[in-house]
N, C-alpha and C. Protein backbone atom coordinates (compact mmCIF):
# COMPACT_ATOMS: atom_id res chain seq x y z
N UNK A 1 -1.78 -3.26 -23.35
CA UNK A 1 -1.37 -2.56 -22.12
C UNK A 1 -0.57 -1.50 -22.07
N UNK A 2 -1.03 -0.90 -20.84
CA UNK A 2 -0.33 0.63 -20.81
C UNK A 2 1.20 0.15 -19.98
N UNK A 3 1.34 -0.81 -19.90
CA UNK A 3 3.03 -0.96 -19.37
C UNK A 3 2.80 -2.61 -19.42
N UNK A 4 4.19 -3.07 -19.21
CA UNK A 4 4.35 -4.67 -19.98
C UNK A 4 5.19 -5.37 -18.00
N UNK A 5 5.39 -4.25 -17.44
CA UNK A 5 5.90 -5.14 -16.13
C UNK A 5 5.33 -5.69 -15.55
N UNK A 6 5.02 -6.96 -15.51
CA UNK A 6 4.16 -7.69 -14.65
C UNK A 6 4.77 -7.71 -13.24
N UNK A 7 3.26 -8.07 -12.69
CA UNK A 7 3.15 -7.83 -11.08
C UNK A 7 3.83 -9.09 -10.62
N UNK A 8 4.43 -8.72 -9.50
CA UNK A 8 4.91 -9.80 -8.51
C UNK A 8 4.83 -9.19 -6.88
N UNK A 9 5.34 -10.21 -6.08
CA UNK A 9 5.23 -9.63 -4.81
C UNK A 9 6.14 -8.26 -4.35
N UNK A 10 5.92 -7.93 -3.82
CA UNK A 10 6.71 -6.57 -3.89
C UNK A 10 6.30 -5.34 -5.07
N UNK A 11 5.56 -5.65 -5.76
CA UNK A 11 5.26 -4.73 -6.72
C UNK A 11 4.21 -3.43 -6.43
N UNK A 12 4.44 -2.44 -6.96
CA UNK A 12 3.40 -1.43 -7.13
C UNK A 12 2.32 -1.49 -8.44
N UNK A 13 0.80 -1.17 -7.72
CA UNK A 13 0.08 -1.22 -9.22
C UNK A 13 -0.02 0.45 -8.64
N UNK A 14 -0.37 1.18 -9.76
CA UNK A 14 -1.00 2.45 -9.65
C UNK A 14 -1.84 2.49 -10.80
N UNK A 15 -2.78 3.12 -10.15
CA UNK A 15 -4.32 2.80 -10.60
C UNK A 15 -4.24 4.25 -11.98
N UNK A 16 -5.30 3.64 -12.91
CA UNK A 16 -5.17 4.62 -14.50
C UNK A 16 -5.87 6.02 -13.81
N UNK A 17 -5.36 7.21 -14.47
CA UNK A 17 -6.35 8.44 -13.79
C UNK A 17 -7.10 8.63 -13.61
N UNK A 18 -8.05 7.74 -14.38
CA UNK A 18 -9.45 7.89 -14.72
C UNK A 18 -10.07 7.01 -14.16
N UNK A 19 -10.04 5.60 -13.13
CA UNK A 19 -10.29 5.22 -12.40
C UNK A 19 -11.19 5.54 -11.57
N UNK A 20 -12.42 5.16 -11.84
CA UNK A 20 -13.55 5.92 -10.73
C UNK A 20 -14.39 5.47 -9.16
N UNK A 21 -13.71 3.90 -9.30
CA UNK A 21 -13.55 3.00 -8.25
C UNK A 21 -13.35 4.10 -6.72
N UNK A 22 -14.17 3.97 -5.30
CA UNK A 22 -13.56 4.97 -4.79
C UNK A 22 -12.36 4.36 -4.20
N UNK A 23 -12.40 3.02 -4.13
CA UNK A 23 -11.50 2.17 -3.56
C UNK A 23 -10.52 2.22 -3.61
N UNK A 24 -9.81 2.56 -4.95
CA UNK A 24 -8.66 2.55 -5.47
C UNK A 24 -8.67 3.79 -6.58
N UNK A 25 -9.22 4.85 -6.67
CA UNK A 25 -8.97 6.54 -7.39
C UNK A 25 -7.53 6.83 -6.53
N UNK A 26 -6.85 7.02 -7.65
CA UNK A 26 -5.72 7.68 -7.63
C UNK A 26 -4.54 6.87 -6.59
N UNK A 27 -5.20 5.54 -6.24
CA UNK A 27 -4.41 4.47 -5.90
C UNK A 27 -3.29 4.01 -6.06
N UNK A 28 -2.15 3.79 -5.10
CA UNK A 28 -0.85 3.50 -4.77
C UNK A 28 -1.10 2.21 -4.26
N UNK A 29 -0.73 0.34 -4.83
CA UNK A 29 -1.08 -0.41 -4.03
C UNK A 29 0.32 -1.39 -3.69
N UNK A 30 0.76 -2.05 -2.66
CA UNK A 30 1.79 -2.10 -3.00
C UNK A 30 1.51 -3.82 -3.04
N UNK A 31 1.83 -4.69 -3.50
CA UNK A 31 1.71 -6.21 -3.55
C UNK A 31 2.16 -7.24 -2.36
N UNK A 32 1.64 -7.39 -1.54
CA UNK A 32 2.74 -8.30 -0.18
C UNK A 32 2.64 -9.62 -0.38
N UNK A 33 1.61 -10.21 -1.24
CA UNK A 33 1.95 -11.84 -1.96
C UNK A 33 1.00 -11.33 -3.04
N UNK A 34 1.58 -12.59 -4.45
CA UNK A 34 1.38 -12.74 -5.39
C UNK A 34 1.71 -13.60 -6.30
N UNK A 35 1.03 -14.67 -6.08
CA UNK A 35 1.13 -16.28 -6.95
C UNK A 35 0.38 -16.72 -7.35
N UNK A 36 0.11 -17.87 -7.83
CA UNK A 36 -0.82 -18.56 -8.48
C UNK A 36 -2.18 -18.93 -7.29
N UNK A 37 -2.14 -18.23 -6.65
CA UNK A 37 -3.50 -18.12 -5.49
C UNK A 37 -4.37 -17.16 -5.64
N UNK A 38 -3.84 -16.23 -5.65
CA UNK A 38 -4.03 -14.93 -5.96
C UNK A 38 -2.99 -13.84 -5.50
N UNK A 39 -3.66 -13.08 -5.10
CA UNK A 39 -2.99 -11.50 -4.64
C UNK A 39 -3.48 -10.83 -3.41
N UNK A 40 -2.79 -10.61 -2.86
CA UNK A 40 -2.79 -9.69 -1.52
C UNK A 40 -2.25 -8.37 -2.02
N UNK A 41 -2.79 -7.31 -1.34
CA UNK A 41 -2.37 -6.14 -1.70
C UNK A 41 -2.60 -5.08 -0.60
N UNK A 42 -1.81 -3.64 -0.21
CA UNK A 42 -2.57 -2.91 0.89
C UNK A 42 -2.54 -1.43 -0.27
N UNK A 43 -3.28 -0.85 -0.23
CA UNK A 43 -3.49 0.87 -0.76
C UNK A 43 -2.97 1.68 0.50
N UNK A 44 -1.79 2.47 -0.10
CA UNK A 44 -0.81 3.14 0.40
C UNK A 44 -1.43 4.45 0.60
N UNK A 45 -1.98 5.26 0.33
CA UNK A 45 -2.36 6.33 0.04
C UNK A 45 -3.96 6.60 0.42
N UNK A 46 -4.54 6.13 1.23
CA UNK A 46 -5.69 5.94 1.53
C UNK A 46 -5.79 6.09 3.32
N UNK A 47 -5.36 7.21 4.43
CA UNK A 47 -5.38 7.68 5.13
C UNK A 47 -6.62 7.32 6.16
N UNK A 48 -7.09 6.40 7.25
CA UNK A 48 -8.13 7.00 7.80
C UNK A 48 -8.40 8.03 8.69
N UNK A 49 -9.15 8.47 9.17
CA UNK A 49 -9.43 9.24 10.54
C UNK A 49 -8.76 8.63 11.77
N UNK A 50 -8.61 7.71 11.98
CA UNK A 50 -8.39 7.13 13.06
C UNK A 50 -6.60 7.09 13.43
N UNK A 51 -6.20 6.32 14.43
CA UNK A 51 -4.97 6.19 14.89
C UNK A 51 -5.40 4.90 15.54
N UNK A 52 -4.05 4.16 15.67
CA UNK A 52 -3.64 2.73 16.26
C UNK A 52 -4.66 2.99 17.87
N UNK A 53 -3.69 4.02 18.35
CA UNK A 53 -4.49 3.79 20.20
C UNK A 53 -5.92 3.96 19.87
N UNK A 54 -6.52 4.67 18.70
CA UNK A 54 -8.46 4.25 18.52
C UNK A 54 -8.83 3.27 18.36
N UNK A 55 -8.30 2.18 17.95
CA UNK A 55 -8.47 0.69 17.65
C UNK A 55 -7.77 -0.36 18.62
N UNK A 56 -6.47 -0.08 19.27
CA UNK A 56 -5.70 -1.07 20.01
C UNK A 56 -5.60 -0.55 21.12
N UNK A 57 -6.74 0.16 21.97
CA UNK A 57 -6.38 0.59 23.48
C UNK A 57 -5.07 0.30 24.25
N UNK A 58 -4.60 -0.69 23.92
CA UNK A 58 -3.10 -1.11 24.72
C UNK A 58 -2.43 -0.70 24.75
N UNK A 59 -2.29 0.22 23.54
CA UNK A 59 -0.79 0.76 22.38
C UNK A 59 -1.01 1.84 22.98
N UNK A 60 -1.33 2.47 24.39
CA UNK A 60 -1.40 3.70 24.75
C UNK A 60 -1.84 4.83 24.02
N UNK A 61 -0.95 5.89 23.68
CA UNK A 61 -1.15 7.17 22.96
C UNK A 61 -0.32 6.71 21.58
N UNK A 62 -0.25 5.77 21.24
CA UNK A 62 0.09 5.40 19.68
C UNK A 62 -0.24 6.21 18.57
N UNK A 63 0.59 7.45 18.37
CA UNK A 63 0.17 7.85 17.24
C UNK A 63 -0.13 7.28 15.68
N UNK A 64 0.03 6.41 15.96
CA UNK A 64 0.49 5.55 14.28
C UNK A 64 -0.95 5.95 13.58
N UNK A 65 -1.01 6.62 11.91
CA UNK A 65 -1.91 6.55 11.56
C UNK A 65 -2.62 4.99 10.82
N UNK A 66 -3.79 5.07 10.97
CA UNK A 66 -4.47 3.81 10.15
C UNK A 66 -4.85 4.15 8.58
N UNK A 67 -4.48 3.32 7.98
CA UNK A 67 -5.10 3.47 6.49
C UNK A 67 -5.64 2.36 6.38
N UNK A 68 -6.75 2.43 5.37
CA UNK A 68 -7.36 1.93 4.56
C UNK A 68 -6.57 1.09 3.53
N UNK A 69 -6.67 -0.62 3.76
CA UNK A 69 -5.82 -1.22 2.68
C UNK A 69 -6.64 -1.75 1.78
N UNK A 70 -7.58 -1.63 1.60
CA UNK A 70 -8.65 -2.22 0.83
C UNK A 70 -10.32 -2.31 1.13
N UNK A 71 -11.09 -2.78 0.55
CA UNK A 71 -12.12 -2.99 0.81
C UNK A 71 -12.63 -4.68 1.61
N UNK A 72 -11.39 -5.34 1.17
CA UNK A 72 -11.66 -6.58 2.08
C UNK A 72 -11.25 -6.55 3.62
N UNK A 73 -12.07 -7.47 4.34
CA UNK A 73 -11.98 -7.77 5.71
C UNK A 73 -11.32 -6.27 6.11
N UNK A 74 -12.44 -5.54 5.67
CA UNK A 74 -12.09 -4.51 6.92
C UNK A 74 -12.35 -4.02 8.46
N UNK A 75 -12.80 -5.66 8.68
CA UNK A 75 -12.63 -5.55 10.24
C UNK A 75 -11.46 -6.01 10.61
N UNK A 76 -10.11 -6.31 9.98
CA UNK A 76 -9.14 -6.32 10.34
C UNK A 76 -7.90 -5.35 10.27
N UNK A 77 -7.04 -5.90 11.14
CA UNK A 77 -5.78 -5.19 11.08
C UNK A 77 -4.68 -5.75 10.54
N UNK A 78 -3.78 -5.07 9.48
CA UNK A 78 -2.72 -6.04 9.19
C UNK A 78 -1.57 -4.51 9.32
N UNK A 79 -0.24 -4.58 9.22
CA UNK A 79 0.80 -3.98 9.29
C UNK A 79 1.90 -4.45 8.27
N UNK A 80 2.58 -3.48 7.72
CA UNK A 80 4.03 -3.27 7.03
C UNK A 80 5.06 -2.73 7.88
N UNK A 81 6.24 -3.39 7.94
CA UNK A 81 7.08 -2.65 8.59
C UNK A 81 8.51 -3.05 7.96
N UNK A 82 9.69 -2.38 8.68
CA UNK A 82 10.73 -2.42 8.51
C UNK A 82 11.95 -1.98 9.47
N UNK A 83 11.19 -3.23 10.66
CA UNK A 83 11.94 -3.21 12.17
C UNK A 83 12.43 -4.43 12.13
N UNK A 84 12.88 -5.59 11.38
CA UNK A 84 12.73 -6.54 11.86
C UNK A 84 13.78 -7.09 12.58
N UNK A 85 14.81 -5.88 12.86
CA UNK A 85 15.99 -6.00 13.72
C UNK A 85 15.53 -6.09 15.06
N UNK A 86 14.33 -5.42 15.36
CA UNK A 86 13.85 -5.43 17.04
C UNK A 86 12.44 -6.07 16.87
N UNK A 87 11.85 -6.88 16.00
CA UNK A 87 10.52 -7.11 16.01
C UNK A 87 11.16 -9.18 16.01
N UNK A 88 12.00 -9.47 15.14
CA UNK A 88 12.29 -10.82 14.47
C UNK A 88 11.58 -11.40 14.55
N UNK A 89 10.21 -10.81 13.11
CA UNK A 89 9.73 -11.67 13.09
C UNK A 89 8.50 -10.63 11.80
N UNK A 90 7.87 -11.52 10.75
CA UNK A 90 7.24 -10.63 9.77
C UNK A 90 8.01 -11.65 8.65
N UNK A 91 7.22 -11.52 7.30
CA UNK A 91 7.52 -11.69 6.26
C UNK A 91 7.99 -11.22 5.24
N UNK A 92 9.54 -11.07 4.80
CA UNK A 92 10.10 -9.99 4.02
C UNK A 92 9.54 -10.16 2.68
N UNK A 93 9.04 -9.10 2.32
CA UNK A 93 8.07 -9.68 0.42
C UNK A 93 8.98 -8.88 -0.11
N UNK A 94 10.47 -8.05 -0.15
CA UNK A 94 11.28 -7.51 -0.64
C UNK A 94 11.58 -5.95 -0.28
N UNK A 95 12.61 -5.65 -0.54
CA UNK A 95 13.32 -3.93 -0.35
C UNK A 95 13.50 -4.07 1.20
N UNK A 96 13.44 -5.04 1.91
CA UNK A 96 13.78 -5.02 3.33
C UNK A 96 12.51 -4.24 4.01
N UNK A 97 11.00 -4.96 3.10
CA UNK A 97 10.20 -4.59 3.61
C UNK A 97 9.21 -6.12 4.52
N UNK A 98 8.39 -5.57 5.36
CA UNK A 98 8.07 -6.87 6.05
C UNK A 98 6.57 -6.67 6.50
N UNK A 99 6.03 -8.28 6.14
CA UNK A 99 4.41 -8.43 6.43
C UNK A 99 4.48 -8.77 7.83
N UNK A 100 3.60 -7.93 8.42
CA UNK A 100 3.09 -8.94 9.90
C UNK A 100 4.48 -9.39 10.42
N UNK A 101 4.01 -9.87 11.58
CA UNK A 101 4.76 -10.66 12.48
C UNK A 101 4.40 -10.52 13.83
N UNK A 102 4.84 -11.06 14.66
CA UNK A 102 4.41 -10.88 16.04
C UNK A 102 3.80 -9.70 16.66
N UNK A 103 2.83 -9.83 17.34
CA UNK A 103 1.96 -8.26 16.98
C UNK A 103 2.26 -7.97 18.65
N UNK A 104 2.31 -9.12 19.66
CA UNK A 104 2.68 -9.27 21.27
C UNK A 104 4.03 -8.04 21.22
N UNK A 105 4.96 -8.41 20.24
CA UNK A 105 6.49 -7.70 20.36
C UNK A 105 6.58 -6.81 19.96
N UNK A 106 5.51 -5.66 18.87
CA UNK A 106 5.45 -5.13 18.38
C UNK A 106 4.81 -4.01 19.11
N UNK A 107 3.93 -4.51 20.11
CA UNK A 107 2.94 -3.58 21.20
C UNK A 107 3.70 -3.37 22.34
N UNK A 108 4.72 -4.05 22.63
CA UNK A 108 5.80 -3.56 23.67
C UNK A 108 6.63 -2.69 22.84
N UNK A 109 7.14 -2.72 21.84
CA UNK A 109 8.48 -2.04 20.69
C UNK A 109 6.97 -0.33 20.70
N UNK A 110 5.82 -0.57 20.41
CA UNK A 110 5.48 0.40 20.34
C UNK A 110 5.48 1.37 21.99
N UNK A 111 4.56 0.22 22.83
CA UNK A 111 4.63 1.20 23.80
C UNK A 111 6.43 1.73 24.69
N UNK A 112 7.47 1.04 24.36
CA UNK A 112 8.56 1.53 24.99
C UNK A 112 9.26 2.49 23.79
N UNK A 113 8.18 2.94 22.78
CA UNK A 113 8.74 4.50 21.79
C UNK A 113 9.93 3.98 21.43
N UNK A 114 9.92 2.65 20.79
CA UNK A 114 11.19 1.76 19.70
C UNK A 114 10.95 1.96 18.46
N UNK A 115 9.45 2.13 18.14
CA UNK A 115 9.34 1.71 16.96
C UNK A 115 9.01 3.60 15.94
N UNK A 116 9.39 3.80 15.71
CA UNK A 116 8.85 5.23 15.04
C UNK A 116 7.64 5.46 13.24
N UNK A 117 7.18 5.91 13.35
CA UNK A 117 5.97 5.85 12.44
C UNK A 117 6.98 5.70 10.84
N UNK A 118 7.87 6.05 10.91
CA UNK A 118 8.96 6.02 9.49
C UNK A 118 9.35 4.49 9.04
N UNK A 119 9.04 3.67 10.87
CA UNK A 119 9.50 2.45 9.93
C UNK A 119 7.58 1.35 10.07
N UNK A 120 6.80 2.12 10.07
CA UNK A 120 5.55 0.76 9.93
C UNK A 120 4.49 1.49 9.80
N UNK A 121 3.36 0.53 9.14
CA UNK A 121 2.39 1.22 8.23
C UNK A 121 1.13 0.38 8.31
N UNK A 122 0.33 0.63 8.93
CA UNK A 122 -0.94 0.11 10.16
C UNK A 122 -2.23 -0.15 9.02
N UNK A 123 -3.08 -1.04 8.40
CA UNK A 123 -3.99 -0.77 7.43
C UNK A 123 -5.59 -1.85 8.04
N UNK A 124 -6.32 -1.00 7.77
CA UNK A 124 -7.49 -1.82 8.09
C UNK A 124 -8.01 -2.31 6.85
N UNK A 125 -7.83 -3.31 6.71
CA UNK A 125 -8.47 -4.19 5.26
C UNK A 125 -7.45 -4.55 4.63
N UNK A 126 -7.75 -5.14 3.02
CA UNK A 126 -6.78 -5.31 2.49
C UNK A 126 -7.31 -5.66 1.12
N UNK A 127 -6.51 -5.32 0.00
CA UNK A 127 -7.10 -5.24 -1.51
C UNK A 127 -6.90 -6.99 -1.74
N UNK A 128 -7.72 -7.39 -2.78
CA UNK A 128 -7.57 -9.33 -3.17
C UNK A 128 -7.97 -8.99 -3.85
N UNK A 129 -7.48 -10.05 -5.07
CA UNK A 129 -7.41 -10.57 -6.56
C UNK A 129 -7.23 -12.44 -5.87
N UNK A 130 -8.32 -12.43 -7.21
CA UNK A 130 -8.64 -14.08 -7.15
C UNK A 130 -7.77 -14.50 -8.10
N UNK A 131 -7.48 -15.84 -8.90
CA UNK A 131 -6.87 -16.00 -9.63
C UNK A 131 -7.10 -15.63 -11.15
N UNK A 132 -6.46 -15.00 -11.80
CA UNK A 132 -6.71 -14.16 -13.31
C UNK A 132 -7.46 -13.12 -13.20
N UNK A 133 -7.85 -12.39 -11.87
CA UNK A 133 -8.51 -11.15 -11.86
C UNK A 133 -7.80 -10.20 -11.84
N UNK A 134 -6.59 -9.79 -11.39
CA UNK A 134 -5.65 -8.90 -11.34
C UNK A 134 -5.45 -8.93 -13.41
N UNK A 135 -5.10 -9.88 -13.74
CA UNK A 135 -4.50 -10.00 -15.05
C UNK A 135 -5.74 -9.06 -15.80
N UNK A 136 -6.85 -9.57 -15.75
CA UNK A 136 -7.91 -8.63 -16.42
C UNK A 136 -7.93 -7.69 -16.22
N UNK A 137 -7.67 -7.16 -14.61
CA UNK A 137 -7.76 -5.85 -15.12
C UNK A 137 -6.37 -5.17 -15.46
N UNK A 138 -5.26 -6.02 -15.84
CA UNK A 138 -4.07 -5.03 -16.31
C UNK A 138 -4.72 -5.11 -17.59
N UNK A 139 -5.07 -6.18 -18.15
CA UNK A 139 -5.35 -6.14 -19.68
C UNK A 139 -6.23 -5.34 -19.99
N UNK A 140 -7.11 -4.62 -18.90
CA UNK A 140 -8.10 -3.37 -19.43
C UNK A 140 -7.73 -1.92 -19.44
N UNK A 141 -6.34 -2.29 -18.37
CA UNK A 141 -5.50 -1.19 -18.53
C UNK A 141 -5.65 -0.31 -17.47
N UNK A 142 -6.02 -0.73 -16.34
CA UNK A 142 -6.69 -0.42 -14.79
C UNK A 142 -5.53 0.10 -14.43
N UNK A 143 -4.43 -0.74 -14.23
CA UNK A 143 -3.11 -0.95 -13.36
C UNK A 143 -1.72 -0.32 -14.32
N UNK A 144 -0.94 0.34 -13.91
CA UNK A 144 0.33 0.65 -14.08
C UNK A 144 1.33 -0.66 -13.46
N UNK A 145 2.61 -0.94 -13.23
CA UNK A 145 2.98 -2.33 -12.30
C UNK A 145 4.23 -0.97 -12.66
N UNK A 146 5.06 -1.33 -11.23
CA UNK A 146 6.16 -0.89 -11.50
C UNK A 146 7.07 -1.86 -10.14
N UNK A 147 8.44 -2.26 -10.15
CA UNK A 147 8.93 -2.71 -9.48
C UNK A 147 10.57 -1.73 -9.11
N UNK A 148 10.27 -0.66 -9.72
CA UNK A 148 11.26 -0.07 -9.63
C UNK A 148 10.80 1.32 -9.03
N UNK A 149 11.46 1.33 -7.42
CA UNK A 149 10.45 2.46 -6.29
C UNK A 149 11.57 2.44 -5.16
N UNK A 150 11.61 3.86 -4.38
CA UNK A 150 12.30 3.64 -3.74
C UNK A 150 11.54 3.18 -2.34
N UNK A 151 12.12 2.41 -1.73
CA UNK A 151 11.31 1.72 -0.26
C UNK A 151 10.43 3.02 0.76
N UNK A 152 10.98 3.65 0.59
CA UNK A 152 10.69 5.18 1.43
C UNK A 152 9.21 5.34 1.26
N UNK A 153 8.92 5.33 -0.15
CA UNK A 153 7.70 5.93 -0.53
C UNK A 153 6.56 4.72 0.36
N UNK A 154 6.86 3.87 0.84
CA UNK A 154 5.59 2.81 1.30
C UNK A 154 5.59 3.44 2.56
N UNK A 155 6.53 4.06 3.34
CA UNK A 155 5.99 4.52 4.80
C UNK A 155 6.21 6.14 4.50
N UNK A 156 5.86 6.94 3.49
CA UNK A 156 6.08 8.14 3.32
C UNK A 156 4.64 8.86 4.22
N UNK A 157 5.04 9.83 4.45
CA UNK A 157 3.83 10.66 5.46
C UNK A 157 3.18 11.54 3.74
N UNK A 158 3.32 11.68 3.41
CA UNK A 158 3.15 12.37 1.83
C UNK A 158 2.23 11.98 1.13
N UNK A 159 1.13 11.07 1.46
CA UNK A 159 0.54 10.22 0.87
C UNK A 159 -0.54 10.82 0.14
N UNK A 160 -0.84 12.35 0.18
CA UNK A 160 -1.66 12.96 -0.27
C UNK A 160 -1.00 13.09 -2.22
N UNK A 161 0.28 12.55 -2.28
CA UNK A 161 0.77 13.26 -3.74
C UNK A 161 1.57 11.59 -3.73
N UNK A 162 1.06 10.76 -3.50
CA UNK A 162 2.12 9.52 -3.36
C UNK A 162 1.63 8.96 -4.97
N UNK A 163 0.20 9.03 -5.32
CA UNK A 163 0.27 8.58 -6.49
C UNK A 163 1.01 9.42 -8.01
N UNK A 164 0.71 10.71 -7.59
CA UNK A 164 1.84 11.59 -8.34
C UNK A 164 3.22 11.39 -8.25
N UNK A 165 3.44 11.32 -7.13
CA UNK A 165 5.06 11.19 -7.37
C UNK A 165 5.48 9.87 -8.14
N UNK A 166 4.87 8.81 -7.65
CA UNK A 166 5.05 7.34 -8.11
C UNK A 166 4.77 7.44 -9.48
N UNK A 167 3.71 8.27 -10.17
CA UNK A 167 3.73 8.13 -11.41
C UNK A 167 4.51 8.89 -12.22
N UNK A 168 5.30 9.79 -12.07
CA UNK A 168 6.32 10.73 -12.55
C UNK A 168 7.52 9.71 -12.76
N UNK A 169 8.27 9.32 -11.13
CA UNK A 169 8.77 8.21 -10.88
C UNK A 169 8.75 7.18 -12.04
N UNK A 170 7.71 6.81 -13.06
CA UNK A 170 7.80 6.07 -14.41
C UNK A 170 8.61 6.31 -15.13
N UNK A 171 8.96 7.48 -15.36
CA UNK A 171 9.22 8.59 -16.73
C UNK A 171 8.39 9.35 -17.31
N UNK A 172 9.22 9.88 -18.50
CA UNK A 172 8.37 10.84 -19.30
C UNK A 172 7.14 10.41 -19.95
N UNK A 173 7.44 9.19 -20.22
CA UNK A 173 6.53 8.34 -20.92
C UNK A 173 5.02 8.45 -20.23
N UNK A 174 5.10 8.35 -18.97
CA UNK A 174 3.67 8.77 -17.96
C UNK A 174 3.57 9.44 -17.29
N UNK A 175 4.41 10.21 -17.21
CA UNK A 175 4.56 11.43 -16.34
C UNK A 175 3.37 12.19 -16.53
N UNK A 176 3.02 12.77 -17.96
CA UNK A 176 1.78 13.61 -18.37
C UNK A 176 0.75 13.08 -17.57
N UNK A 177 0.59 12.20 -17.47
CA UNK A 177 -1.03 11.75 -16.95
C UNK A 177 -1.44 12.01 -15.76
N UNK A 178 -0.17 12.80 -15.12
CA UNK A 178 -0.68 13.28 -13.80
C UNK A 178 -1.69 14.75 -13.94
N UNK A 179 -1.34 15.04 -15.07
CA UNK A 179 -2.12 16.02 -15.39
C UNK A 179 -3.63 16.10 -15.55
N UNK A 180 -3.92 14.85 -15.76
CA UNK A 180 -5.79 14.54 -16.19
C UNK A 180 -6.01 14.77 -15.26
N UNK A 181 -7.75 15.32 -15.60
CA UNK A 181 -8.23 15.20 -14.68
C UNK A 181 -8.81 13.75 -13.70
N UNK A 182 -9.46 13.88 -12.62
CA UNK A 182 -9.93 12.64 -12.19
C UNK A 182 -11.21 12.18 -13.07
N UNK A 183 -12.01 12.56 -13.60
CA UNK A 183 -12.87 12.51 -14.11
C UNK A 183 -13.01 13.14 -15.50
N UNK A 184 -12.46 12.20 -16.85
CA UNK A 184 -12.89 12.34 -18.54
C UNK A 184 -13.87 13.61 -18.40
N UNK A 185 -15.08 13.59 -17.88
CA UNK A 185 -15.87 14.62 -18.12
C UNK A 185 -15.96 15.95 -17.92
N UNK A 186 -14.48 16.19 -17.02
CA UNK A 186 -14.45 17.40 -16.63
C UNK A 186 -13.48 18.28 -17.65
N UNK A 187 -13.08 17.48 -18.61
CA UNK A 187 -12.23 17.99 -19.41
C UNK A 187 -12.74 18.91 -20.28
């Protein structure tokens, strides 16, 4: 395996540099849930062309971007946040990051401009793995796993460089892979 770090809730999955699956090409996935029933996560660096007010009109002119969380349930809206102090809801997944919560409360906070873009991230769809599926992908070296990262990366506006920044943060053993071409045939 590329690395020996085992995934857990709040881990980041970093796709291997040659992954051609468009759902996960050069992606970083935050695991919101990882247990004996399976795994749920959100791709952090695939911004859609939509903002929150496009899909939830009652959020006024909310400019919050919507990301494509993965290929599963793309008719559903999800969110991660770090504003529990105002929402008083959500499941803490680690590092002060919360998954979901009371959406009516969130809409009030958004409409009253009490939530910053750096505190919340919205997703259409999610990434999901059945029991053993992620383990098999790890055995095939499809993913690197890390539990050591700055939680600010989850809410960064620099999604274009997120994959590269996270890989470099893994240290010199992995940093060189950011220079690999996206397709090995291009080498």
